[in-house]
mmCIF file of all heavy atoms, coordinates in Angstrom:
data_MODEL
# 
_entry.id   MODEL 
# 
loop_
_atom_site.group_PDB 
_atom_site.id 
_atom_site.type_symbol 
_atom_site.label_atom_id 
_atom_site.label_alt_id 
_atom_site.label_comp_id 
_atom_site.label_asym_id 
_atom_site.label_entity_id 
_atom_site.label_seq_id 
_atom_site.pdbx_PDB_ins_code 
_atom_site.Cartn_x 
_atom_site.Cartn_y 
_atom_site.Cartn_z 
_atom_site.occupancy 
_atom_site.B_iso_or_equiv 
_atom_site.pdbx_formal_charge 
_atom_site.auth_seq_id 
_atom_site.auth_comp_id 
_atom_site.auth_asym_id 
_atom_site.auth_atom_id 
_atom_site.pdbx_PDB_model_num 
ATOM 1   N N   . SER A 1 1  ? 5.640   -4.199  -0.105  1.00 0.00 ? 1  SER A N   1 
ATOM 2   C CA  . SER A 1 1  ? 6.760   -4.547  0.671   1.00 0.00 ? 1  SER A CA  1 
ATOM 3   C C   . SER A 1 1  ? 6.525   -4.474  2.074   1.00 0.00 ? 1  SER A C   1 
ATOM 4   O O   . SER A 1 1  ? 5.487   -3.952  2.528   1.00 0.00 ? 1  SER A O   1 
ATOM 5   C CB  . SER A 1 1  ? 8.032   -3.731  0.193   1.00 0.00 ? 1  SER A CB  1 
ATOM 6   O OG  . SER A 1 1  ? 7.791   -2.484  0.530   1.00 0.00 ? 1  SER A OG  1 
ATOM 7   N N   . ARG A 1 2  ? 7.452   -5.102  2.925   1.00 0.00 ? 2  ARG A N   1 
ATOM 8   C CA  . ARG A 1 2  ? 7.193   -4.896  4.345   1.00 0.00 ? 2  ARG A CA  1 
ATOM 9   C C   . ARG A 1 2  ? 8.681   -4.855  5.058   1.00 0.00 ? 2  ARG A C   1 
ATOM 10  O O   . ARG A 1 2  ? 9.627   -5.273  4.591   1.00 0.00 ? 2  ARG A O   1 
ATOM 11  C CB  . ARG A 1 2  ? 6.420   -6.084  4.973   1.00 0.00 ? 2  ARG A CB  1 
ATOM 12  C CG  . ARG A 1 2  ? 7.212   -7.323  5.362   1.00 0.00 ? 2  ARG A CG  1 
ATOM 13  C CD  . ARG A 1 2  ? 7.406   -8.191  4.057   1.00 0.00 ? 2  ARG A CD  1 
ATOM 14  N NE  . ARG A 1 2  ? 7.884   -9.524  4.408   1.00 0.00 ? 2  ARG A NE  1 
ATOM 15  C CZ  . ARG A 1 2  ? 9.033   -9.952  4.445   1.00 0.00 ? 2  ARG A CZ  1 
ATOM 16  N NH1 . ARG A 1 2  ? 9.999   -8.956  4.158   1.00 0.00 ? 2  ARG A NH1 1 
ATOM 17  N NH2 . ARG A 1 2  ? 9.504   -11.205 4.852   1.00 0.00 ? 2  ARG A NH2 1 
ATOM 18  N N   . ASP A 1 3  ? 8.629   -4.143  6.170   1.00 0.00 ? 3  ASP A N   1 
ATOM 19  C CA  . ASP A 1 3  ? 9.775   -4.111  7.076   1.00 0.00 ? 3  ASP A CA  1 
ATOM 20  C C   . ASP A 1 3  ? 9.357   -4.775  8.347   1.00 0.00 ? 3  ASP A C   1 
ATOM 21  O O   . ASP A 1 3  ? 8.538   -4.212  9.162   1.00 0.00 ? 3  ASP A O   1 
ATOM 22  C CB  . ASP A 1 3  ? 10.129  -2.555  7.269   1.00 0.00 ? 3  ASP A CB  1 
ATOM 23  C CG  . ASP A 1 3  ? 11.427  -2.433  8.004   1.00 0.00 ? 3  ASP A CG  1 
ATOM 24  O OD1 . ASP A 1 3  ? 11.663  -3.177  8.993   1.00 0.00 ? 3  ASP A OD1 1 
ATOM 25  O OD2 . ASP A 1 3  ? 12.160  -1.409  7.764   1.00 0.00 ? 3  ASP A OD2 1 
ATOM 26  N N   . ASN A 1 4  ? 9.824   -5.895  8.616   1.00 0.00 ? 4  ASN A N   1 
ATOM 27  C CA  . ASN A 1 4  ? 9.357   -6.737  9.759   1.00 0.00 ? 4  ASN A CA  1 
ATOM 28  C C   . ASN A 1 4  ? 9.868   -5.987  11.005  1.00 0.00 ? 4  ASN A C   1 
ATOM 29  O O   . ASN A 1 4  ? 9.145   -6.103  12.001  1.00 0.00 ? 4  ASN A O   1 
ATOM 30  C CB  . ASN A 1 4  ? 10.081  -8.085  9.602   1.00 0.00 ? 4  ASN A CB  1 
ATOM 31  C CG  . ASN A 1 4  ? 9.396   -8.884  8.537   1.00 0.00 ? 4  ASN A CG  1 
ATOM 32  O OD1 . ASN A 1 4  ? 8.662   -8.403  7.687   1.00 0.00 ? 4  ASN A OD1 1 
ATOM 33  N ND2 . ASN A 1 4  ? 9.617   -10.225 8.609   1.00 0.00 ? 4  ASN A ND2 1 
ATOM 34  N N   . ASP A 1 5  ? 10.924  -5.437  11.048  1.00 0.00 ? 5  ASP A N   1 
ATOM 35  C CA  . ASP A 1 5  ? 11.529  -4.789  12.370  1.00 0.00 ? 5  ASP A CA  1 
ATOM 36  C C   . ASP A 1 5  ? 10.549  -3.620  12.681  1.00 0.00 ? 5  ASP A C   1 
ATOM 37  O O   . ASP A 1 5  ? 10.250  -3.389  13.809  1.00 0.00 ? 5  ASP A O   1 
ATOM 38  C CB  . ASP A 1 5  ? 12.835  -4.365  12.148  1.00 0.00 ? 5  ASP A CB  1 
ATOM 39  C CG  . ASP A 1 5  ? 13.906  -5.514  12.147  1.00 0.00 ? 5  ASP A CG  1 
ATOM 40  O OD1 . ASP A 1 5  ? 13.577  -6.542  12.505  1.00 0.00 ? 5  ASP A OD1 1 
ATOM 41  O OD2 . ASP A 1 5  ? 14.963  -5.219  11.539  1.00 0.00 ? 5  ASP A OD2 1 
ATOM 42  N N   . LYS A 1 6  ? 10.072  -2.826  11.800  1.00 0.00 ? 6  LYS A N   1 
ATOM 43  C CA  . LYS A 1 6  ? 9.297   -1.752  11.982  1.00 0.00 ? 6  LYS A CA  1 
ATOM 44  C C   . LYS A 1 6  ? 7.716   -2.046  11.995  1.00 0.00 ? 6  LYS A C   1 
ATOM 45  O O   . LYS A 1 6  ? 6.915   -1.272  12.289  1.00 0.00 ? 6  LYS A O   1 
ATOM 46  C CB  . LYS A 1 6  ? 9.454   -0.649  10.875  1.00 0.00 ? 6  LYS A CB  1 
ATOM 47  C CG  . LYS A 1 6  ? 10.809  -0.053  10.811  1.00 0.00 ? 6  LYS A CG  1 
ATOM 48  C CD  . LYS A 1 6  ? 11.049  1.025   9.747   1.00 0.00 ? 6  LYS A CD  1 
ATOM 49  C CE  . LYS A 1 6  ? 12.312  1.689   9.824   1.00 0.00 ? 6  LYS A CE  1 
ATOM 50  N NZ  . LYS A 1 6  ? 12.626  2.646   8.738   1.00 0.00 ? 6  LYS A NZ  1 
ATOM 51  N N   . LYS A 1 7  ? 7.508   -3.382  11.707  1.00 0.00 ? 7  LYS A N   1 
ATOM 52  C CA  . LYS A 1 7  ? 6.077   -3.848  11.553  1.00 0.00 ? 7  LYS A CA  1 
ATOM 53  C C   . LYS A 1 7  ? 5.274   -2.919  10.660  1.00 0.00 ? 7  LYS A C   1 
ATOM 54  O O   . LYS A 1 7  ? 4.202   -2.433  11.026  1.00 0.00 ? 7  LYS A O   1 
ATOM 55  C CB  . LYS A 1 7  ? 5.403   -3.940  12.905  1.00 0.00 ? 7  LYS A CB  1 
ATOM 56  C CG  . LYS A 1 7  ? 5.992   -5.085  13.826  1.00 0.00 ? 7  LYS A CG  1 
ATOM 57  C CD  . LYS A 1 7  ? 5.229   -5.290  15.108  1.00 0.00 ? 7  LYS A CD  1 
ATOM 58  C CE  . LYS A 1 7  ? 5.789   -6.475  15.935  1.00 0.00 ? 7  LYS A CE  1 
ATOM 59  N NZ  . LYS A 1 7  ? 5.045   -6.601  17.127  1.00 0.00 ? 7  LYS A NZ  1 
ATOM 60  N N   . THR A 1 8  ? 5.856   -2.588  9.499   1.00 0.00 ? 8  THR A N   1 
ATOM 61  C CA  . THR A 1 8  ? 5.237   -1.732  8.599   1.00 0.00 ? 8  THR A CA  1 
ATOM 62  C C   . THR A 1 8  ? 5.069   -2.457  7.199   1.00 0.00 ? 8  THR A C   1 
ATOM 63  O O   . THR A 1 8  ? 6.098   -2.997  6.679   1.00 0.00 ? 8  THR A O   1 
ATOM 64  C CB  . THR A 1 8  ? 5.959   -0.481  8.517   1.00 0.00 ? 8  THR A CB  1 
ATOM 65  O OG1 . THR A 1 8  ? 5.918   0.214   9.773   1.00 0.00 ? 8  THR A OG1 1 
ATOM 66  C CG2 . THR A 1 8  ? 5.310   0.495   7.569   1.00 0.00 ? 8  THR A CG2 1 
ATOM 67  N N   . VAL A 1 9  ? 4.000   -2.332  6.615   1.00 0.00 ? 9  VAL A N   1 
ATOM 68  C CA  . VAL A 1 9  ? 3.775   -2.654  5.222   1.00 0.00 ? 9  VAL A CA  1 
ATOM 69  C C   . VAL A 1 9  ? 3.558   -1.413  4.328   1.00 0.00 ? 9  VAL A C   1 
ATOM 70  O O   . VAL A 1 9  ? 2.924   -0.559  4.761   1.00 0.00 ? 9  VAL A O   1 
ATOM 71  C CB  . VAL A 1 9  ? 2.474   -3.633  5.137   1.00 0.00 ? 9  VAL A CB  1 
ATOM 72  C CG1 . VAL A 1 9  ? 2.313   -4.158  3.735   1.00 0.00 ? 9  VAL A CG1 1 
ATOM 73  C CG2 . VAL A 1 9  ? 2.590   -4.802  6.079   1.00 0.00 ? 9  VAL A CG2 1 
ATOM 74  N N   . TYR A 1 10 ? 4.257   -1.474  3.192   1.00 0.00 ? 10 TYR A N   1 
ATOM 75  C CA  . TYR A 1 10 ? 4.151   -0.371  2.200   1.00 0.00 ? 10 TYR A CA  1 
ATOM 76  C C   . TYR A 1 10 ? 3.543   -0.732  0.902   1.00 0.00 ? 10 TYR A C   1 
ATOM 77  O O   . TYR A 1 10 ? 3.473   -1.961  0.507   1.00 0.00 ? 10 TYR A O   1 
ATOM 78  C CB  . TYR A 1 10 ? 5.614   0.097   1.851   1.00 0.00 ? 10 TYR A CB  1 
ATOM 79  C CG  . TYR A 1 10 ? 6.331   0.377   3.036   1.00 0.00 ? 10 TYR A CG  1 
ATOM 80  C CD1 . TYR A 1 10 ? 7.308   -0.414  3.661   1.00 0.00 ? 10 TYR A CD1 1 
ATOM 81  C CD2 . TYR A 1 10 ? 6.355   1.672   3.665   1.00 0.00 ? 10 TYR A CD2 1 
ATOM 82  C CE1 . TYR A 1 10 ? 8.067   -0.156  4.809   1.00 0.00 ? 10 TYR A CE1 1 
ATOM 83  C CE2 . TYR A 1 10 ? 6.980   2.041   4.831   1.00 0.00 ? 10 TYR A CE2 1 
ATOM 84  C CZ  . TYR A 1 10 ? 7.898   1.114   5.338   1.00 0.00 ? 10 TYR A CZ  1 
ATOM 85  O OH  . TYR A 1 10 ? 8.600   1.491   6.486   1.00 0.00 ? 10 TYR A OH  1 
ATOM 86  N N   . LEU A 1 11 ? 2.934   0.218   0.286   1.00 0.00 ? 11 LEU A N   1 
ATOM 87  C CA  . LEU A 1 11 ? 2.551   0.027   -1.080  1.00 0.00 ? 11 LEU A CA  1 
ATOM 88  C C   . LEU A 1 11 ? 3.014   1.267   -1.905  1.00 0.00 ? 11 LEU A C   1 
ATOM 89  O O   . LEU A 1 11 ? 2.587   2.426   -1.771  1.00 0.00 ? 11 LEU A O   1 
ATOM 90  C CB  . LEU A 1 11 ? 0.925   0.070   -1.229  1.00 0.00 ? 11 LEU A CB  1 
ATOM 91  C CG  . LEU A 1 11 ? 0.346   -0.204  -2.566  1.00 0.00 ? 11 LEU A CG  1 
ATOM 92  C CD1 . LEU A 1 11 ? 0.649   -1.701  -3.026  1.00 0.00 ? 11 LEU A CD1 1 
ATOM 93  C CD2 . LEU A 1 11 ? -1.144  0.067   -2.699  1.00 0.00 ? 11 LEU A CD2 1 
ATOM 94  N N   . GLN A 1 12 ? 4.005   0.966   -2.763  1.00 0.00 ? 12 GLN A N   1 
ATOM 95  C CA  . GLN A 1 12 ? 4.658   1.889   -3.631  1.00 0.00 ? 12 GLN A CA  1 
ATOM 96  C C   . GLN A 1 12 ? 3.773   1.839   -4.837  1.00 0.00 ? 12 GLN A C   1 
ATOM 97  O O   . GLN A 1 12 ? 3.738   0.915   -5.591  1.00 0.00 ? 12 GLN A O   1 
ATOM 98  C CB  . GLN A 1 12 ? 6.048   1.540   -3.869  1.00 0.00 ? 12 GLN A CB  1 
ATOM 99  C CG  . GLN A 1 12 ? 6.818   2.546   -4.840  1.00 0.00 ? 12 GLN A CG  1 
ATOM 100 C CD  . GLN A 1 12 ? 6.910   3.964   -4.311  1.00 0.00 ? 12 GLN A CD  1 
ATOM 101 O OE1 . GLN A 1 12 ? 7.425   4.102   -3.182  1.00 0.00 ? 12 GLN A OE1 1 
ATOM 102 N NE2 . GLN A 1 12 ? 6.563   4.927   -5.010  1.00 0.00 ? 12 GLN A NE2 1 
ATOM 103 N N   . MET A 1 13 ? 3.195   3.095   -5.161  1.00 0.00 ? 13 MET A N   1 
ATOM 104 C CA  . MET A 1 13 ? 2.404   3.261   -6.388  1.00 0.00 ? 13 MET A CA  1 
ATOM 105 C C   . MET A 1 13 ? 3.022   4.177   -7.395  1.00 0.00 ? 13 MET A C   1 
ATOM 106 O O   . MET A 1 13 ? 3.171   5.383   -7.027  1.00 0.00 ? 13 MET A O   1 
ATOM 107 C CB  . MET A 1 13 ? 0.965   3.707   -5.923  1.00 0.00 ? 13 MET A CB  1 
ATOM 108 C CG  . MET A 1 13 ? 0.315   2.855   -4.804  1.00 0.00 ? 13 MET A CG  1 
ATOM 109 S SD  . MET A 1 13 ? -1.349  3.421   -4.454  1.00 0.00 ? 13 MET A SD  1 
ATOM 110 C CE  . MET A 1 13 ? -0.977  4.986   -3.718  1.00 0.00 ? 13 MET A CE  1 
ATOM 111 N N   . ASN A 1 14 ? 3.397   3.603   -8.432  1.00 0.00 ? 14 ASN A N   1 
ATOM 112 C CA  . ASN A 1 14 ? 3.877   4.462   -9.505  1.00 0.00 ? 14 ASN A CA  1 
ATOM 113 C C   . ASN A 1 14 ? 2.951   4.516   -10.800 1.00 0.00 ? 14 ASN A C   1 
ATOM 114 O O   . ASN A 1 14 ? 2.086   3.713   -10.890 1.00 0.00 ? 14 ASN A O   1 
ATOM 115 C CB  . ASN A 1 14 ? 5.249   3.836   -9.990  1.00 0.00 ? 14 ASN A CB  1 
ATOM 116 C CG  . ASN A 1 14 ? 6.226   3.875   -8.855  1.00 0.00 ? 14 ASN A CG  1 
ATOM 117 O OD1 . ASN A 1 14 ? 6.293   4.763   -8.032  1.00 0.00 ? 14 ASN A OD1 1 
ATOM 118 N ND2 . ASN A 1 14 ? 7.150   2.792   -8.817  1.00 0.00 ? 14 ASN A ND2 1 
ATOM 119 N N   . SER A 1 15 ? 3.256   5.414   -11.726 1.00 0.00 ? 15 SER A N   1 
ATOM 120 C CA  . SER A 1 15 ? 2.377   5.617   -12.833 1.00 0.00 ? 15 SER A CA  1 
ATOM 121 C C   . SER A 1 15 ? 0.942   5.595   -12.562 1.00 0.00 ? 15 SER A C   1 
ATOM 122 O O   . SER A 1 15 ? 0.166   4.959   -13.195 1.00 0.00 ? 15 SER A O   1 
ATOM 123 C CB  . SER A 1 15 ? 2.791   4.516   -13.836 1.00 0.00 ? 15 SER A CB  1 
ATOM 124 O OG  . SER A 1 15 ? 4.129   4.494   -14.151 1.00 0.00 ? 15 SER A OG  1 
ATOM 125 N N   . LEU A 1 16 ? 0.554   6.358   -11.639 1.00 0.00 ? 16 LEU A N   1 
ATOM 126 C CA  . LEU A 1 16 ? -0.781  6.407   -11.130 1.00 0.00 ? 16 LEU A CA  1 
ATOM 127 C C   . LEU A 1 16 ? -1.713  6.980   -12.292 1.00 0.00 ? 16 LEU A C   1 
ATOM 128 O O   . LEU A 1 16 ? -1.372  7.796   -13.050 1.00 0.00 ? 16 LEU A O   1 
ATOM 129 C CB  . LEU A 1 16 ? -0.951  7.269   -9.914  1.00 0.00 ? 16 LEU A CB  1 
ATOM 130 C CG  . LEU A 1 16 ? -0.398  6.551   -8.620  1.00 0.00 ? 16 LEU A CG  1 
ATOM 131 C CD1 . LEU A 1 16 ? -0.159  7.572   -7.542  1.00 0.00 ? 16 LEU A CD1 1 
ATOM 132 C CD2 . LEU A 1 16 ? -1.458  5.601   -8.173  1.00 0.00 ? 16 LEU A CD2 1 
ATOM 133 N N   . LYS A 1 17 ? -2.915  6.310   -12.237 1.00 0.00 ? 17 LYS A N   1 
ATOM 134 C CA  . LYS A 1 17 ? -3.951  6.622   -13.187 1.00 0.00 ? 17 LYS A CA  1 
ATOM 135 C C   . LYS A 1 17 ? -5.172  7.180   -12.450 1.00 0.00 ? 17 LYS A C   1 
ATOM 136 O O   . LYS A 1 17 ? -5.393  6.760   -11.327 1.00 0.00 ? 17 LYS A O   1 
ATOM 137 C CB  . LYS A 1 17 ? -4.407  5.439   -14.049 1.00 0.00 ? 17 LYS A CB  1 
ATOM 138 C CG  . LYS A 1 17 ? -3.285  4.696   -14.707 1.00 0.00 ? 17 LYS A CG  1 
ATOM 139 C CD  . LYS A 1 17 ? -3.688  3.476   -15.366 1.00 0.00 ? 17 LYS A CD  1 
ATOM 140 C CE  . LYS A 1 17 ? -2.544  2.774   -16.100 1.00 0.00 ? 17 LYS A CE  1 
ATOM 141 N NZ  . LYS A 1 17 ? -2.976  1.494   -16.669 1.00 0.00 ? 17 LYS A NZ  1 
ATOM 142 N N   . PRO A 1 18 ? -6.055  7.949   -13.147 1.00 0.00 ? 18 PRO A N   1 
ATOM 143 C CA  . PRO A 1 18 ? -7.263  8.389   -12.348 1.00 0.00 ? 18 PRO A CA  1 
ATOM 144 C C   . PRO A 1 18 ? -8.067  7.234   -11.921 1.00 0.00 ? 18 PRO A C   1 
ATOM 145 O O   . PRO A 1 18 ? -8.702  7.452   -10.869 1.00 0.00 ? 18 PRO A O   1 
ATOM 146 C CB  . PRO A 1 18 ? -7.986  9.216   -13.515 1.00 0.00 ? 18 PRO A CB  1 
ATOM 147 C CG  . PRO A 1 18 ? -6.963  9.745   -14.403 1.00 0.00 ? 18 PRO A CG  1 
ATOM 148 C CD  . PRO A 1 18 ? -5.839  8.636   -14.373 1.00 0.00 ? 18 PRO A CD  1 
ATOM 149 N N   . GLU A 1 19 ? -8.141  6.161   -12.537 1.00 0.00 ? 19 GLU A N   1 
ATOM 150 C CA  . GLU A 1 19 ? -8.963  5.030   -12.040 1.00 0.00 ? 19 GLU A CA  1 
ATOM 151 C C   . GLU A 1 19 ? -8.260  4.349   -10.859 1.00 0.00 ? 19 GLU A C   1 
ATOM 152 O O   . GLU A 1 19 ? -8.972  3.442   -10.309 1.00 0.00 ? 19 GLU A O   1 
ATOM 153 C CB  . GLU A 1 19 ? -9.059  3.872   -13.247 1.00 0.00 ? 19 GLU A CB  1 
ATOM 154 C CG  . GLU A 1 19 ? -7.755  3.536   -13.856 1.00 0.00 ? 19 GLU A CG  1 
ATOM 155 C CD  . GLU A 1 19 ? -7.473  4.252   -15.235 1.00 0.00 ? 19 GLU A CD  1 
ATOM 156 O OE1 . GLU A 1 19 ? -7.703  5.549   -15.164 1.00 0.00 ? 19 GLU A OE1 1 
ATOM 157 O OE2 . GLU A 1 19 ? -7.082  3.725   -16.179 1.00 0.00 ? 19 GLU A OE2 1 
ATOM 158 N N   . ASP A 1 20 ? -7.157  4.719   -10.426 1.00 0.00 ? 20 ASP A N   1 
ATOM 159 C CA  . ASP A 1 20 ? -6.631  4.285   -9.135  1.00 0.00 ? 20 ASP A CA  1 
ATOM 160 C C   . ASP A 1 20 ? -7.232  4.980   -7.992  1.00 0.00 ? 20 ASP A C   1 
ATOM 161 O O   . ASP A 1 20 ? -6.930  4.627   -6.822  1.00 0.00 ? 20 ASP A O   1 
ATOM 162 C CB  . ASP A 1 20 ? -5.150  4.427   -9.130  1.00 0.00 ? 20 ASP A CB  1 
ATOM 163 C CG  . ASP A 1 20 ? -4.365  3.507   -10.185 1.00 0.00 ? 20 ASP A CG  1 
ATOM 164 O OD1 . ASP A 1 20 ? -4.742  2.423   -10.312 1.00 0.00 ? 20 ASP A OD1 1 
ATOM 165 O OD2 . ASP A 1 20 ? -3.414  3.995   -10.752 1.00 0.00 ? 20 ASP A OD2 1 
ATOM 166 N N   . THR A 1 21 ? -7.949  6.102   -8.280  1.00 0.00 ? 21 THR A N   1 
ATOM 167 C CA  . THR A 1 21 ? -8.523  6.828   -7.121  1.00 0.00 ? 21 THR A CA  1 
ATOM 168 C C   . THR A 1 21 ? -9.557  5.981   -6.346  1.00 0.00 ? 21 THR A C   1 
ATOM 169 O O   . THR A 1 21 ? -10.430 5.340   -6.806  1.00 0.00 ? 21 THR A O   1 
ATOM 170 C CB  . THR A 1 21 ? -9.369  8.038   -7.846  1.00 0.00 ? 21 THR A CB  1 
ATOM 171 O OG1 . THR A 1 21 ? -8.406  8.936   -8.374  1.00 0.00 ? 21 THR A OG1 1 
ATOM 172 C CG2 . THR A 1 21 ? -10.082 8.788   -6.533  1.00 0.00 ? 21 THR A CG2 1 
ATOM 173 N N   . ALA A 1 22 ? -9.311  5.898   -5.004  1.00 0.00 ? 22 ALA A N   1 
ATOM 174 C CA  . ALA A 1 22 ? -10.004 5.115   -4.120  1.00 0.00 ? 22 ALA A CA  1 
ATOM 175 C C   . ALA A 1 22 ? -9.585  5.280   -2.626  1.00 0.00 ? 22 ALA A C   1 
ATOM 176 O O   . ALA A 1 22 ? -8.521  5.952   -2.487  1.00 0.00 ? 22 ALA A O   1 
ATOM 177 C CB  . ALA A 1 22 ? -9.828  3.636   -4.490  1.00 0.00 ? 22 ALA A CB  1 
ATOM 178 N N   . VAL A 1 23 ? -10.337 4.735   -1.797  1.00 0.00 ? 23 VAL A N   1 
ATOM 179 C CA  . VAL A 1 23 ? -9.753  4.619   -0.478  1.00 0.00 ? 23 VAL A CA  1 
ATOM 180 C C   . VAL A 1 23 ? -9.043  3.314   -0.274  1.00 0.00 ? 23 VAL A C   1 
ATOM 181 O O   . VAL A 1 23 ? -9.458  2.290   -0.748  1.00 0.00 ? 23 VAL A O   1 
ATOM 182 C CB  . VAL A 1 23 ? -10.880 4.590   0.646   1.00 0.00 ? 23 VAL A CB  1 
ATOM 183 C CG1 . VAL A 1 23 ? -10.329 4.373   2.052   1.00 0.00 ? 23 VAL A CG1 1 
ATOM 184 C CG2 . VAL A 1 23 ? -11.622 5.962   0.567   1.00 0.00 ? 23 VAL A CG2 1 
ATOM 185 N N   . TYR A 1 24 ? -7.793  3.377   0.150   1.00 0.00 ? 24 TYR A N   1 
ATOM 186 C CA  . TYR A 1 24 ? -6.910  2.283   0.277   1.00 0.00 ? 24 TYR A CA  1 
ATOM 187 C C   . TYR A 1 24 ? -6.803  1.738   1.714   1.00 0.00 ? 24 TYR A C   1 
ATOM 188 O O   . TYR A 1 24 ? -6.570  2.505   2.639   1.00 0.00 ? 24 TYR A O   1 
ATOM 189 C CB  . TYR A 1 24 ? -5.509  2.637   -0.290  1.00 0.00 ? 24 TYR A CB  1 
ATOM 190 C CG  . TYR A 1 24 ? -5.390  2.684   -1.824  1.00 0.00 ? 24 TYR A CG  1 
ATOM 191 C CD1 . TYR A 1 24 ? -6.027  3.626   -2.476  1.00 0.00 ? 24 TYR A CD1 1 
ATOM 192 C CD2 . TYR A 1 24 ? -4.809  1.678   -2.475  1.00 0.00 ? 24 TYR A CD2 1 
ATOM 193 C CE1 . TYR A 1 24 ? -5.977  3.725   -3.832  1.00 0.00 ? 24 TYR A CE1 1 
ATOM 194 C CE2 . TYR A 1 24 ? -4.730  1.677   -3.924  1.00 0.00 ? 24 TYR A CE2 1 
ATOM 195 C CZ  . TYR A 1 24 ? -5.319  2.734   -4.574  1.00 0.00 ? 24 TYR A CZ  1 
ATOM 196 O OH  . TYR A 1 24 ? -5.326  2.803   -5.935  1.00 0.00 ? 24 TYR A OH  1 
ATOM 197 N N   . TYR A 1 25 ? -7.025  0.405   1.846   1.00 0.00 ? 25 TYR A N   1 
ATOM 198 C CA  . TYR A 1 25 ? -7.122  -0.242  3.136   1.00 0.00 ? 25 TYR A CA  1 
ATOM 199 C C   . TYR A 1 25 ? -6.018  -1.216  3.249   1.00 0.00 ? 25 TYR A C   1 
ATOM 200 O O   . TYR A 1 25 ? -5.753  -1.998  2.387   1.00 0.00 ? 25 TYR A O   1 
ATOM 201 C CB  . TYR A 1 25 ? -8.479  -0.954  3.385   1.00 0.00 ? 25 TYR A CB  1 
ATOM 202 C CG  . TYR A 1 25 ? -9.628  -0.076  3.314   1.00 0.00 ? 25 TYR A CG  1 
ATOM 203 C CD1 . TYR A 1 25 ? -10.296 0.271   2.098   1.00 0.00 ? 25 TYR A CD1 1 
ATOM 204 C CD2 . TYR A 1 25 ? -10.150 0.551   4.428   1.00 0.00 ? 25 TYR A CD2 1 
ATOM 205 C CE1 . TYR A 1 25 ? -11.443 1.058   2.094   1.00 0.00 ? 25 TYR A CE1 1 
ATOM 206 C CE2 . TYR A 1 25 ? -11.200 1.325   4.442   1.00 0.00 ? 25 TYR A CE2 1 
ATOM 207 C CZ  . TYR A 1 25 ? -11.879 1.613   3.280   1.00 0.00 ? 25 TYR A CZ  1 
ATOM 208 O OH  . TYR A 1 25 ? -12.974 2.438   3.215   1.00 0.00 ? 25 TYR A OH  1 
ATOM 209 N N   . CYS A 1 26 ? -5.391  -1.265  4.391   1.00 0.00 ? 26 CYS A N   1 
ATOM 210 C CA  . CYS A 1 26 ? -4.510  -2.278  4.812   1.00 0.00 ? 26 CYS A CA  1 
ATOM 211 C C   . CYS A 1 26 ? -5.184  -3.379  5.505   1.00 0.00 ? 26 CYS A C   1 
ATOM 212 O O   . CYS A 1 26 ? -6.099  -3.073  6.277   1.00 0.00 ? 26 CYS A O   1 
ATOM 213 C CB  . CYS A 1 26 ? -3.329  -1.722  5.706   1.00 0.00 ? 26 CYS A CB  1 
ATOM 214 S SG  . CYS A 1 26 ? -2.025  -2.892  6.272   1.00 0.00 ? 26 CYS A SG  1 
ATOM 215 N N   . ALA A 1 27 ? -4.764  -4.642  5.391   1.00 0.00 ? 27 ALA A N   1 
ATOM 216 C CA  . ALA A 1 27 ? -5.487  -5.609  5.999   1.00 0.00 ? 27 ALA A CA  1 
ATOM 217 C C   . ALA A 1 27 ? -4.504  -6.785  6.314   1.00 0.00 ? 27 ALA A C   1 
ATOM 218 O O   . ALA A 1 27 ? -3.402  -6.880  5.708   1.00 0.00 ? 27 ALA A O   1 
ATOM 219 C CB  . ALA A 1 27 ? -6.556  -6.245  5.107   1.00 0.00 ? 27 ALA A CB  1 
ATOM 220 N N   . ALA A 1 28 ? -4.879  -7.637  7.309   1.00 0.00 ? 28 ALA A N   1 
ATOM 221 C CA  . ALA A 1 28 ? -4.085  -8.808  7.688   1.00 0.00 ? 28 ALA A CA  1 
ATOM 222 C C   . ALA A 1 28 ? -4.910  -10.019 7.807   1.00 0.00 ? 28 ALA A C   1 
ATOM 223 O O   . ALA A 1 28 ? -6.029  -10.027 8.180   1.00 0.00 ? 28 ALA A O   1 
ATOM 224 C CB  . ALA A 1 28 ? -3.431  -8.567  9.055   1.00 0.00 ? 28 ALA A CB  1 
ATOM 225 N N   . GLN A 1 29 ? -4.292  -11.124 7.334   1.00 0.00 ? 29 GLN A N   1 
ATOM 226 C CA  . GLN A 1 29 ? -5.035  -12.461 7.309   1.00 0.00 ? 29 GLN A CA  1 
ATOM 227 C C   . GLN A 1 29 ? -4.147  -13.533 8.044   1.00 0.00 ? 29 GLN A C   1 
ATOM 228 O O   . GLN A 1 29 ? -2.976  -13.807 7.691   1.00 0.00 ? 29 GLN A O   1 
ATOM 229 C CB  . GLN A 1 29 ? -5.180  -12.871 5.836   1.00 0.00 ? 29 GLN A CB  1 
ATOM 230 C CG  . GLN A 1 29 ? -6.500  -13.672 5.491   1.00 0.00 ? 29 GLN A CG  1 
ATOM 231 C CD  . GLN A 1 29 ? -6.330  -15.148 5.773   1.00 0.00 ? 29 GLN A CD  1 
ATOM 232 O OE1 . GLN A 1 29 ? -5.174  -15.616 6.039   1.00 0.00 ? 29 GLN A OE1 1 
ATOM 233 N NE2 . GLN A 1 29 ? -7.321  -15.831 5.640   1.00 0.00 ? 29 GLN A NE2 1 
# 
């Protein structure tokens, strides 16, 4: 999701699994 006023992008992660372990990067295109 994103909040345009705050210029912030979110990633809500639920039901996390061990295989989700990683470094997470934000990017813009």
